[in-house]
Amino acid sequence: MKVIVRILHLPSDVQSGLYEATRTLFVREENKNNDFIQQFLCQQSPLCLSISPYAVYALLYHPLRKPQLLKGVYEMGFNRPSKIQENALPMMLAEPPQNLIAQSQSGTGKTAAFVLAMLSHVDPSLKWPQCLCISPTYELALQTGKVIEQMGKFYSEVKLAYAVRGHKMDRGVKIKEQIVIGTPGTVLDWCVKLKLIDPKKIKVFVLDEADVMIATQGHQDQSIRIQRMLPKGCQMLLFSATFEDSVWKFAERVVPDPNIIKLKREEETLDTIKQYYVLCNSKEDKFNALCNIYGAITIAQAMIFCHTRKTANWLAGQLSKEGHQVALLSGEMVVEQRAAVIERFRDGKEKVLITTNVCARGIDVEQVSVVINFDLPLDKDGNPDNETYLHRIGRTGRFGKRGLAVNMVDSQRSMEILKTYEKHFNKKIGRLDTDDLDEIEKIAN
C-alpha cells in the first residue's frame, strides 16, 4: 500500500530531520518507486513522502515535532504498528492527554508503545523528571530502560534514571533526568523520603504489568501512594498482558475517565504458540521427557519453569550433567546477580534458563523457541494460576514468531489444572508422546 502525504511550510530544521529520518524507511520499502524517491531526495520543500501507513500515522502525531524520535523508531525496525500500537497510540499521543487501561498479549509491542508516548511528551529543555514508569521487577525496569535508550538514540537531550534497589542516591539532590523508571518501593522512596522527584511535575505515569502492581498487596499500596501524589492533569497509562475482572474494576476506580482496550478471554492466548502436555509419573519421568524433546528437535533457547527453588536446582544439575549450557534464576538472588544471568542468557551464552516465576512476566529474549512448564503454575493458595500460565508461555512466540509450550503433567490434580487452563482460554492443549520421536519432530514443523 502506497500513501502520499504532502506536508507544507514546515520549519527548516523539522524538514531536515524528516528528510534524514525517512532515508532508512525508503531502504525498507519492498516496492520502491525509484523516480519518486529520487524526487523526494532532491527536494525538501515542500516535503512529499511516499511511505507506509505507519509512517504516515507517526508523522501526523508528536514525532512530527521530534524527527529525531522518528529516526529511532525506524532504526528499531518498526515499519508498521502492531494491533495494540495501532489502537493505543492515538489515545496516548492525543492532546489533551488521555488516560488508558490497555490489555495486550505478550510480545506485541506494548512496551514500545508506552515508551513512544513518554518520549513524545517530554520537554528536553526542562531538567527534571516528567515521565515516571514503574515495573514490578528490577529486570523488567532494566528491559524497559533499554527500549527507551534504543528509541531515544537520536534524542540525546532526553536522559533516563533508574530508580531501582542498589542505586544509591543522596537525600534532597534533585535529579535532572526527564524519565525515571523503577520499581514501586524505590520510586516511592525517591518521591517521599529522599525528595529526588517532585511528583507534582510528572506529566506521564506508566504502570507496566499493572495487574501485578494492583493485585500484589505491597506493590498495590505503593502504586496507589505514588498515583495520589501526581497532579490532576497527569496522563495515566496502565498496561498488561492480563487483567482479572476484579483488577479491571479496581483499575477503573483508580484511573479517572480511562479509555479501555480489553481482549476477549479467548483472544488472550497466543495463536503463534503450539501448546502440548506430556504425561509423567515423577520428576525423573519429566526429566527423561525433557531429554527426549531435546534429542528430537532443534531448540534455539528454552525457558523451563519450576515451582520451587529446590526443583530448579535439581533440574539444573541434571541438565548440566547431560552437557547442556544451563543458567539458573531464582528470587533469592540479589538484583545484580539476576540481571547478569538474564544478560548472559540474552547474549546466548547459555541455551537453557531454569527459573521460578521471577521470569514469568515481560522478559524478552528473542531466541526463546520453547517454554517448558516442568511444574504447572499455581497461585499462593494452590489453585490454577491462569495469568501466570499465559505469562510463562508468552516468553516464546514473541512478536508473531512461532513458539512451542510443553506442560509436564504428573498427577490427576495437575491434569485438572491443565483442563482449567484449556477452559479459561478456550484453547485445546494436545497430548504429546515423548517416547515417539517422529511425533516430537512433527510438532516442530
Protein backbone atom coordinates (compact mmCIF):
# COMPACT_ATOMS: atom_id res chain seq x y z
CA MET A 1 0.00 0.00 0.00
CA LYS A 2 1.44 3.37 -1.04
CA VAL A 3 0.35 6.55 0.68
CA ILE A 4 1.37 10.06 -0.30
CA VAL A 5 1.46 12.82 2.27
CA ARG A 6 2.15 16.44 1.48
CA ILE A 7 3.46 18.49 4.42
CA LEU A 8 3.73 22.18 3.56
CA HIS A 9 5.57 25.06 5.22
CA LEU A 10 7.45 23.08 7.83
CA PRO A 11 10.33 24.76 9.68
CA SER A 12 13.66 24.04 8.02
CA ASP A 13 15.04 22.09 11.00
CA VAL A 14 11.98 19.81 11.02
CA GLN A 15 12.21 19.34 7.24
CA SER A 16 15.86 18.39 7.55
CA GLY A 17 15.15 15.94 10.35
CA LEU A 18 12.31 14.28 8.47
CA TYR A 19 14.46 14.09 5.37
CA GLU A 20 17.17 12.20 7.23
CA ALA A 21 14.70 10.07 9.18
CA THR A 22 12.96 8.78 6.08
CA ARG A 23 16.12 7.64 4.29
CA THR A 24 16.10 4.42 6.31
CA LEU A 25 12.42 3.97 5.60
CA PHE A 26 12.88 4.05 1.83
CA VAL A 27 15.52 1.35 2.08
CA ARG A 28 12.97 -0.84 3.89
CA GLU A 29 10.18 -0.42 1.31
CA GLU A 30 9.88 -3.54 -0.87
CA ASN A 31 8.16 -1.88 -3.82
CA LYS A 32 10.34 1.13 -4.35
CA ASN A 33 9.39 3.80 -6.84
CA ASN A 34 12.85 4.97 -7.74
CA ASP A 35 11.72 8.03 -9.66
CA PHE A 36 9.57 9.15 -6.75
CA ILE A 37 12.31 8.50 -4.22
CA GLN A 38 14.82 10.46 -6.25
CA GLN A 39 12.30 13.27 -6.48
CA PHE A 40 11.95 13.24 -2.69
CA LEU A 41 15.68 13.08 -2.05
CA CYS A 42 16.26 16.04 -4.34
CA GLN A 43 13.57 18.27 -2.81
CA GLN A 44 12.97 19.23 0.77
CA SER A 45 10.33 21.97 0.46
CA PRO A 46 7.55 21.09 0.35
CA LEU A 47 8.17 17.57 1.59
CA CYS A 48 6.46 14.81 -0.36
CA LEU A 49 6.71 11.38 1.23
CA SER A 50 5.80 8.00 -0.24
CA ILE A 51 5.81 5.75 2.78
CA SER A 52 4.00 3.05 4.72
CA PRO A 53 0.71 3.79 6.53
CA TYR A 54 2.53 3.54 9.86
CA ALA A 55 4.94 6.26 8.81
CA VAL A 56 2.04 8.48 7.80
CA TYR A 57 0.46 7.82 11.17
CA ALA A 58 3.67 8.53 13.06
CA LEU A 59 4.37 11.73 11.16
CA LEU A 60 0.92 13.10 11.90
CA TYR A 61 1.38 12.85 15.66
CA HIS A 62 4.01 14.08 18.09
CA PRO A 63 7.05 12.69 16.23
CA LEU A 64 6.33 15.30 13.54
CA ARG A 65 7.77 17.78 16.00
CA LYS A 66 10.51 15.33 17.01
CA PRO A 67 12.07 13.85 13.86
CA GLN A 68 14.99 12.53 15.91
CA LEU A 69 12.48 10.29 17.70
CA LEU A 70 11.07 9.09 14.40
CA LYS A 71 14.59 8.09 13.35
CA GLY A 72 14.89 5.95 16.47
CA VAL A 73 11.54 4.26 15.79
CA TYR A 74 12.58 3.21 12.31
CA GLU A 75 16.07 2.11 13.32
CA MET A 76 14.38 -0.31 15.75
CA GLY A 77 12.60 -1.86 12.76
CA PHE A 78 9.05 -0.68 13.42
CA ASN A 79 7.71 -0.28 9.89
CA ARG A 80 4.05 -0.64 10.81
CA PRO A 81 2.21 -0.89 14.12
CA SER A 82 1.06 -3.96 15.96
CA LYS A 83 -2.63 -4.11 16.89
CA ILE A 84 -2.08 -2.67 20.36
CA GLN A 85 0.13 0.11 18.99
CA GLU A 86 -2.39 0.99 16.30
CA ASN A 87 -5.23 1.19 18.85
CA ALA A 88 -3.39 2.76 21.77
CA LEU A 89 -1.02 5.31 20.25
CA PRO A 90 -3.69 7.76 19.03
CA MET A 91 -5.07 7.91 22.58
CA MET A 92 -1.65 8.17 24.23
CA LEU A 93 -0.41 10.89 21.89
CA ALA A 94 -3.62 12.92 21.91
CA GLU A 95 -3.86 16.50 23.12
CA PRO A 96 -5.07 16.97 25.76
CA PRO A 97 -3.60 13.72 27.19
CA GLN A 98 -5.99 10.79 27.62
CA ASN A 99 -5.80 8.09 30.27
CA LEU A 100 -5.63 4.47 29.15
CA ILE A 101 -6.09 0.99 30.59
CA ALA A 102 -4.86 -1.45 27.96
CA GLN A 103 -4.60 -5.21 27.74
CA SER A 104 -2.24 -6.63 25.18
CA GLN A 105 -0.82 -10.08 24.51
CA SER A 106 2.81 -10.69 25.42
CA GLY A 107 5.26 -9.84 22.67
CA THR A 108 3.02 -7.45 20.74
CA GLY A 109 4.92 -4.22 21.30
CA LYS A 110 3.12 -2.67 24.27
CA THR A 111 6.44 -1.56 25.79
CA ALA A 112 7.44 0.25 22.61
CA ALA A 113 4.01 1.90 22.57
CA PHE A 114 4.20 3.46 26.01
CA VAL A 115 7.89 4.30 25.56
CA LEU A 116 7.00 6.25 22.41
CA ALA A 117 4.29 8.06 24.39
CA MET A 118 6.71 9.04 27.16
CA LEU A 119 9.39 10.24 24.76
CA SER A 120 6.81 12.18 22.76
CA HIS A 121 5.56 14.12 25.79
CA VAL A 122 8.98 15.00 27.23
CA ASP A 123 10.21 18.58 27.06
CA PRO A 124 14.02 18.19 26.89
CA SER A 125 14.60 21.80 27.93
CA LEU A 126 13.16 21.06 31.38
CA LYS A 127 15.76 19.37 33.58
CA TRP A 128 13.55 17.42 35.96
CA PRO A 129 11.54 14.16 35.88
CA GLN A 130 8.45 14.46 33.67
CA CYS A 131 7.66 10.80 32.92
CA LEU A 132 7.53 8.05 35.51
CA CYS A 133 7.27 4.33 34.73
CA ILE A 134 7.13 1.64 37.40
CA SER A 135 7.64 -2.08 36.83
CA PRO A 136 7.16 -4.99 39.25
CA THR A 137 10.75 -6.26 39.00
CA TYR A 138 14.29 -4.99 38.62
CA GLU A 139 14.71 -7.00 35.41
CA LEU A 140 11.64 -5.51 33.76
CA ALA A 141 12.72 -1.99 34.71
CA LEU A 142 16.10 -2.52 33.05
CA GLN A 143 14.48 -4.04 29.98
CA THR A 144 12.10 -1.11 29.55
CA GLY A 145 15.02 1.24 30.04
CA LYS A 146 16.84 -0.42 27.15
CA VAL A 147 13.84 0.23 24.89
CA ILE A 148 13.87 3.88 25.96
CA GLU A 149 17.58 4.10 25.16
CA GLN A 150 17.12 2.48 21.75
CA MET A 151 14.12 4.56 20.71
CA GLY A 152 15.71 7.74 22.08
CA LYS A 153 19.08 7.07 20.45
CA PHE A 154 18.88 10.25 18.36
CA TYR A 155 17.15 12.22 21.11
CA SER A 156 20.25 12.77 23.20
CA GLU A 157 18.80 15.70 25.18
CA VAL A 158 16.45 13.31 26.98
CA LYS A 159 18.05 11.45 29.89
CA LEU A 160 16.95 8.36 31.83
CA ALA A 161 17.34 7.47 35.52
CA TYR A 162 16.79 4.05 37.12
CA ALA A 163 15.03 4.05 40.49
CA VAL A 164 15.92 0.51 41.50
CA ARG A 165 17.30 -1.16 44.58
CA GLY A 166 21.04 -0.77 44.86
CA HIS A 167 21.12 2.60 43.08
CA LYS A 168 22.31 4.80 45.94
CA MET A 169 21.19 8.44 45.93
CA ASP A 170 21.70 11.26 48.43
CA ARG A 171 18.68 12.90 50.03
CA GLY A 172 17.47 16.17 48.55
CA VAL A 173 19.66 16.15 45.42
CA LYS A 174 17.17 16.86 42.65
CA ILE A 175 17.75 14.66 39.62
CA LYS A 176 17.78 16.21 36.15
CA GLU A 177 16.78 13.16 34.08
CA GLN A 178 13.41 13.66 32.36
CA ILE A 179 12.35 9.99 32.51
CA VAL A 180 12.52 7.79 35.60
CA ILE A 181 11.87 4.06 35.51
CA GLY A 182 11.97 1.81 38.53
CA THR A 183 10.28 -0.49 41.00
CA PRO A 184 7.45 0.74 43.27
CA GLY A 185 9.30 0.77 46.59
CA THR A 186 12.34 2.65 45.32
CA VAL A 187 10.25 5.11 43.29
CA LEU A 188 8.19 5.87 46.40
CA ASP A 189 11.38 6.43 48.41
CA TRP A 190 12.69 8.81 45.75
CA CYS A 191 9.44 10.78 45.93
CA VAL A 192 8.86 10.82 49.71
CA LYS A 193 11.98 10.01 51.73
CA LEU A 194 14.79 11.28 49.51
CA LYS A 195 12.85 14.09 47.80
CA LEU A 196 14.62 13.36 44.50
CA ILE A 197 11.44 13.58 42.42
CA ASP A 198 8.75 16.24 42.57
CA PRO A 199 5.64 14.17 41.74
CA LYS A 200 3.66 17.34 41.00
CA LYS A 201 5.80 17.84 37.88
CA ILE A 202 5.09 14.39 36.41
CA LYS A 203 3.18 14.55 33.11
CA VAL A 204 3.02 10.84 32.22
CA PHE A 205 2.68 7.95 34.68
CA VAL A 206 3.00 4.37 33.39
CA LEU A 207 2.17 1.19 35.30
CA ASP A 208 3.78 -1.69 33.43
CA GLU A 209 2.43 -5.17 34.23
CA ALA A 210 -0.33 -3.30 36.02
CA ASP A 211 -2.15 -6.45 37.08
CA VAL A 212 0.82 -7.41 39.25
CA MET A 213 1.08 -3.92 40.69
CA ILE A 214 -2.60 -3.82 41.59
CA ALA A 215 -3.09 -7.46 42.62
CA THR A 216 0.06 -7.74 44.77
CA GLN A 217 -0.53 -6.20 48.18
CA GLY A 218 2.80 -4.42 48.68
CA HIS A 219 3.03 -3.08 45.15
CA GLN A 220 -0.63 -2.12 45.16
CA ASP A 221 -0.26 0.13 48.21
CA GLN A 222 2.95 1.70 46.93
CA SER A 223 1.48 2.32 43.47
CA ILE A 224 -1.61 3.99 44.93
CA ARG A 225 0.54 6.25 47.13
CA ILE A 226 2.58 7.32 44.12
CA GLN A 227 -0.53 7.89 41.99
CA ARG A 228 -2.17 10.07 44.65
CA MET A 229 0.82 12.44 44.66
CA LEU A 230 0.56 13.13 40.93
CA PRO A 231 -1.08 16.28 39.53
CA LYS A 232 -4.66 16.20 38.29
CA GLY A 233 -3.69 16.54 34.63
CA CYS A 234 -1.10 13.74 34.68
CA GLN A 235 -1.67 11.14 31.99
CA MET A 236 -2.03 7.63 33.42
CA LEU A 237 -1.26 4.57 31.28
CA LEU A 238 -1.81 1.06 32.64
CA PHE A 239 -0.53 -1.82 30.52
CA SER A 240 -0.53 -5.56 31.00
CA ALA A 241 -0.97 -8.82 29.14
CA THR A 242 -3.65 -9.99 31.59
CA PHE A 243 -6.31 -8.49 33.83
CA GLU A 244 -8.68 -10.47 36.02
CA ASP A 245 -12.16 -8.96 36.35
CA SER A 246 -11.54 -7.72 39.88
CA VAL A 247 -8.36 -5.97 38.77
CA TRP A 248 -10.20 -4.25 35.92
CA LYS A 249 -12.80 -2.91 38.34
CA PHE A 250 -10.10 -1.62 40.67
CA ALA A 251 -8.13 -0.05 37.82
CA GLU A 252 -11.17 1.81 36.57
CA ARG A 253 -11.67 3.26 40.06
CA VAL A 254 -8.04 4.36 40.24
CA VAL A 255 -7.68 5.80 36.72
CA PRO A 256 -10.10 8.66 36.03
CA ASP A 257 -12.03 8.66 32.74
CA PRO A 258 -9.93 5.96 31.06
CA ASN A 259 -10.01 4.71 27.53
CA ILE A 260 -10.09 0.91 27.73
CA ILE A 261 -8.62 -1.68 25.37
CA LYS A 262 -9.56 -5.17 26.52
CA LEU A 263 -9.21 -8.58 24.91
CA LYS A 264 -11.90 -11.20 24.83
CA ARG A 265 -10.78 -14.11 27.00
CA GLU A 266 -10.35 -16.45 24.04
CA GLU A 267 -8.07 -13.84 22.43
CA GLU A 268 -5.68 -13.82 25.37
CA THR A 269 -3.72 -16.93 24.41
CA LEU A 270 -1.15 -16.51 21.71
CA ASP A 271 -2.14 -18.09 18.41
CA THR A 272 1.52 -18.43 17.38
CA ILE A 273 2.27 -20.83 20.25
CA LYS A 274 1.60 -24.56 19.96
CA GLN A 275 0.61 -25.98 23.36
CA TYR A 276 1.06 -29.61 24.45
CA TYR A 277 1.15 -31.71 27.59
CA VAL A 278 3.20 -34.79 28.50
CA LEU A 279 2.01 -37.47 30.95
CA CYS A 280 4.66 -38.38 33.55
CA ASN A 281 4.82 -40.27 36.85
CA SER A 282 7.67 -38.47 38.64
CA LYS A 283 10.20 -35.68 38.28
CA GLU A 284 12.61 -38.25 36.84
CA ASP A 285 9.99 -39.05 34.19
CA LYS A 286 9.69 -35.34 33.47
CA PHE A 287 13.45 -35.07 33.06
CA ASN A 288 13.53 -38.02 30.64
CA ALA A 289 10.70 -36.45 28.61
CA LEU A 290 12.65 -33.21 28.51
CA CYS A 291 15.76 -35.02 27.24
CA ASN A 292 13.69 -36.73 24.52
CA ILE A 293 12.37 -33.37 23.35
CA TYR A 294 15.90 -32.00 23.18
CA GLY A 295 17.05 -35.08 21.30
CA ALA A 296 14.37 -34.80 18.63
CA ILE A 297 14.09 -31.11 17.73
CA THR A 298 16.40 -28.14 17.32
CA ILE A 299 15.91 -25.63 20.10
CA ALA A 300 17.47 -22.19 19.86
CA GLN A 301 16.92 -21.30 23.51
CA ALA A 302 14.49 -22.62 26.11
CA MET A 303 12.99 -21.45 29.37
CA ILE A 304 11.96 -24.05 31.96
CA PHE A 305 9.68 -23.08 34.84
CA CYS A 306 9.70 -24.87 38.19
CA HIS A 307 7.52 -24.34 41.24
CA THR A 308 10.31 -24.38 43.83
CA ARG A 309 13.96 -23.39 44.02
CA LYS A 310 14.77 -26.95 45.15
CA THR A 311 13.35 -28.45 41.95
CA ALA A 312 15.04 -25.77 39.85
CA ASN A 313 18.43 -26.52 41.42
CA TRP A 314 17.96 -30.28 40.94
CA LEU A 315 16.97 -29.87 37.30
CA ALA A 316 19.86 -27.52 36.57
CA GLY A 317 22.28 -30.11 37.93
CA GLN A 318 20.74 -32.92 35.86
CA LEU A 319 20.80 -30.93 32.61
CA SER A 320 24.38 -29.80 33.23
CA LYS A 321 25.40 -33.46 33.57
CA GLU A 322 23.85 -34.07 30.14
CA GLY A 323 26.09 -31.39 28.66
CA HIS A 324 23.58 -28.54 28.36
CA GLN A 325 24.62 -24.93 28.95
CA VAL A 326 22.29 -24.01 31.81
CA ALA A 327 21.52 -20.77 33.63
CA LEU A 328 19.58 -20.71 36.89
CA LEU A 329 17.44 -17.79 38.04
CA SER A 330 15.50 -17.57 41.29
CA GLY A 331 14.10 -14.97 43.63
CA GLU A 332 16.69 -15.26 46.40
CA MET A 333 19.43 -13.88 44.12
CA VAL A 334 20.37 -10.24 44.57
CA VAL A 335 19.25 -8.00 41.72
CA GLU A 336 22.73 -7.68 40.24
CA GLN A 337 23.07 -11.48 40.02
CA ARG A 338 19.66 -11.80 38.38
CA ALA A 339 20.49 -9.09 35.84
CA ALA A 340 23.80 -10.80 34.99
CA VAL A 341 22.08 -14.19 34.47
CA ILE A 342 19.47 -12.70 32.14
CA GLU A 343 22.11 -10.77 30.20
CA ARG A 344 24.18 -13.94 29.62
CA PHE A 345 21.06 -15.81 28.51
CA ARG A 346 20.02 -12.96 26.22
CA ASP A 347 23.52 -12.97 24.70
CA GLY A 348 23.23 -16.72 24.01
CA LYS A 349 26.00 -17.79 26.38
CA GLU A 350 23.56 -20.25 27.96
CA LYS A 351 20.90 -22.04 25.93
CA VAL A 352 18.63 -23.10 28.81
CA LEU A 353 17.24 -20.84 31.53
CA ILE A 354 15.66 -22.60 34.51
CA THR A 355 13.61 -20.32 36.70
CA THR A 356 10.75 -19.95 39.13
CA ASN A 357 8.15 -17.24 38.45
CA VAL A 358 10.80 -14.50 38.52
CA CYS A 359 10.93 -14.61 34.72
CA ALA A 360 7.27 -15.29 34.01
CA ARG A 361 6.38 -11.71 33.17
CA GLY A 362 7.64 -9.50 30.43
CA ILE A 363 11.25 -10.61 29.94
CA ASP A 364 12.01 -10.54 26.21
CA VAL A 365 14.61 -12.94 24.82
CA GLU A 366 14.05 -13.14 21.09
CA GLN A 367 15.62 -16.56 20.51
CA VAL A 368 13.42 -18.47 23.00
CA SER A 369 11.61 -21.06 20.89
CA VAL A 370 10.41 -23.45 23.62
CA VAL A 371 8.87 -22.97 27.07
CA ILE A 372 8.61 -25.97 29.39
CA ASN A 373 6.31 -25.91 32.40
CA PHE A 374 8.18 -28.52 34.45
CA ASP A 375 5.62 -27.68 37.14
CA LEU A 376 2.29 -26.06 36.29
CA PRO A 377 1.81 -22.58 37.79
CA LEU A 378 -0.30 -22.24 40.94
CA ASP A 379 -1.28 -19.21 42.98
CA LYS A 380 -0.39 -18.78 46.65
CA ASP A 381 -3.46 -20.83 47.65
CA GLY A 382 -2.53 -23.76 45.39
CA ASN A 383 -5.17 -23.01 42.75
CA PRO A 384 -4.58 -22.83 38.97
CA ASP A 385 -2.95 -19.51 38.08
CA ASN A 386 -4.28 -18.61 34.63
CA GLU A 387 -2.45 -15.29 34.41
CA THR A 388 0.95 -16.77 35.23
CA TYR A 389 0.36 -19.59 32.75
CA LEU A 390 -0.24 -17.04 30.00
CA HIS A 391 2.79 -15.01 31.01
CA ARG A 392 5.00 -18.11 31.07
CA ILE A 393 4.11 -19.42 27.64
CA GLY A 394 4.31 -15.85 26.36
CA ARG A 395 8.10 -15.95 26.73
CA THR A 396 8.05 -17.70 23.34
CA GLY A 397 6.10 -16.74 20.23
CA ARG A 398 7.31 -13.16 20.63
CA PHE A 399 6.23 -10.59 18.02
CA GLY A 400 4.38 -13.08 15.83
CA LYS A 401 7.11 -15.73 15.73
CA ARG A 402 6.16 -19.37 16.21
CA GLY A 403 6.74 -20.93 19.60
CA LEU A 404 6.22 -24.17 21.49
CA ALA A 405 4.94 -24.68 25.05
CA VAL A 406 5.10 -28.10 26.73
CA ASN A 407 3.41 -28.83 30.07
CA MET A 408 4.53 -31.70 32.31
CA VAL A 409 1.54 -33.47 33.93
CA ASP A 410 2.39 -35.94 36.72
CA SER A 411 -0.88 -36.46 38.63
CA GLN A 412 -4.65 -36.33 38.39
CA ARG A 413 -4.50 -32.95 40.13
CA SER A 414 -2.13 -31.47 37.57
CA MET A 415 -4.35 -32.81 34.76
CA GLU A 416 -7.29 -30.99 36.37
CA ILE A 417 -5.20 -27.83 36.50
CA LEU A 418 -4.34 -28.19 32.81
CA LYS A 419 -8.02 -28.59 31.95
CA THR A 420 -8.67 -25.36 33.84
CA TYR A 421 -6.25 -23.54 31.52
CA GLU A 422 -7.97 -25.06 28.49
CA LYS A 423 -11.38 -23.92 29.68
CA HIS A 424 -10.24 -20.45 30.74
CA PHE A 425 -8.57 -19.64 27.42
CA ASN A 426 -10.86 -21.78 25.26
CA LYS A 427 -7.79 -23.44 23.69
CA LYS A 428 -7.17 -27.16 23.23
CA ILE A 429 -3.85 -28.43 24.64
CA GLY A 430 -2.88 -31.62 22.82
CA ARG A 431 -1.13 -34.65 24.26
CA LEU A 432 2.48 -35.33 23.25
CA ASP A 433 4.11 -38.76 23.50
CA THR A 434 7.78 -38.02 24.10
CA ASP A 435 8.71 -41.68 23.54
CA ASP A 436 7.65 -41.24 19.89
CA LEU A 437 10.47 -39.28 18.27
CA ASP A 438 8.56 -38.93 14.99
CA GLU A 439 5.68 -37.26 16.85
CA ILE A 440 8.05 -34.84 18.57
CA GLU A 441 9.63 -33.92 15.24
CA LYS A 442 6.18 -33.14 13.80
CA ILE A 443 5.36 -30.54 16.45
CA ALA A 444 8.44 -28.55 15.48
CA ASN A 445 7.28 -28.20 11.87
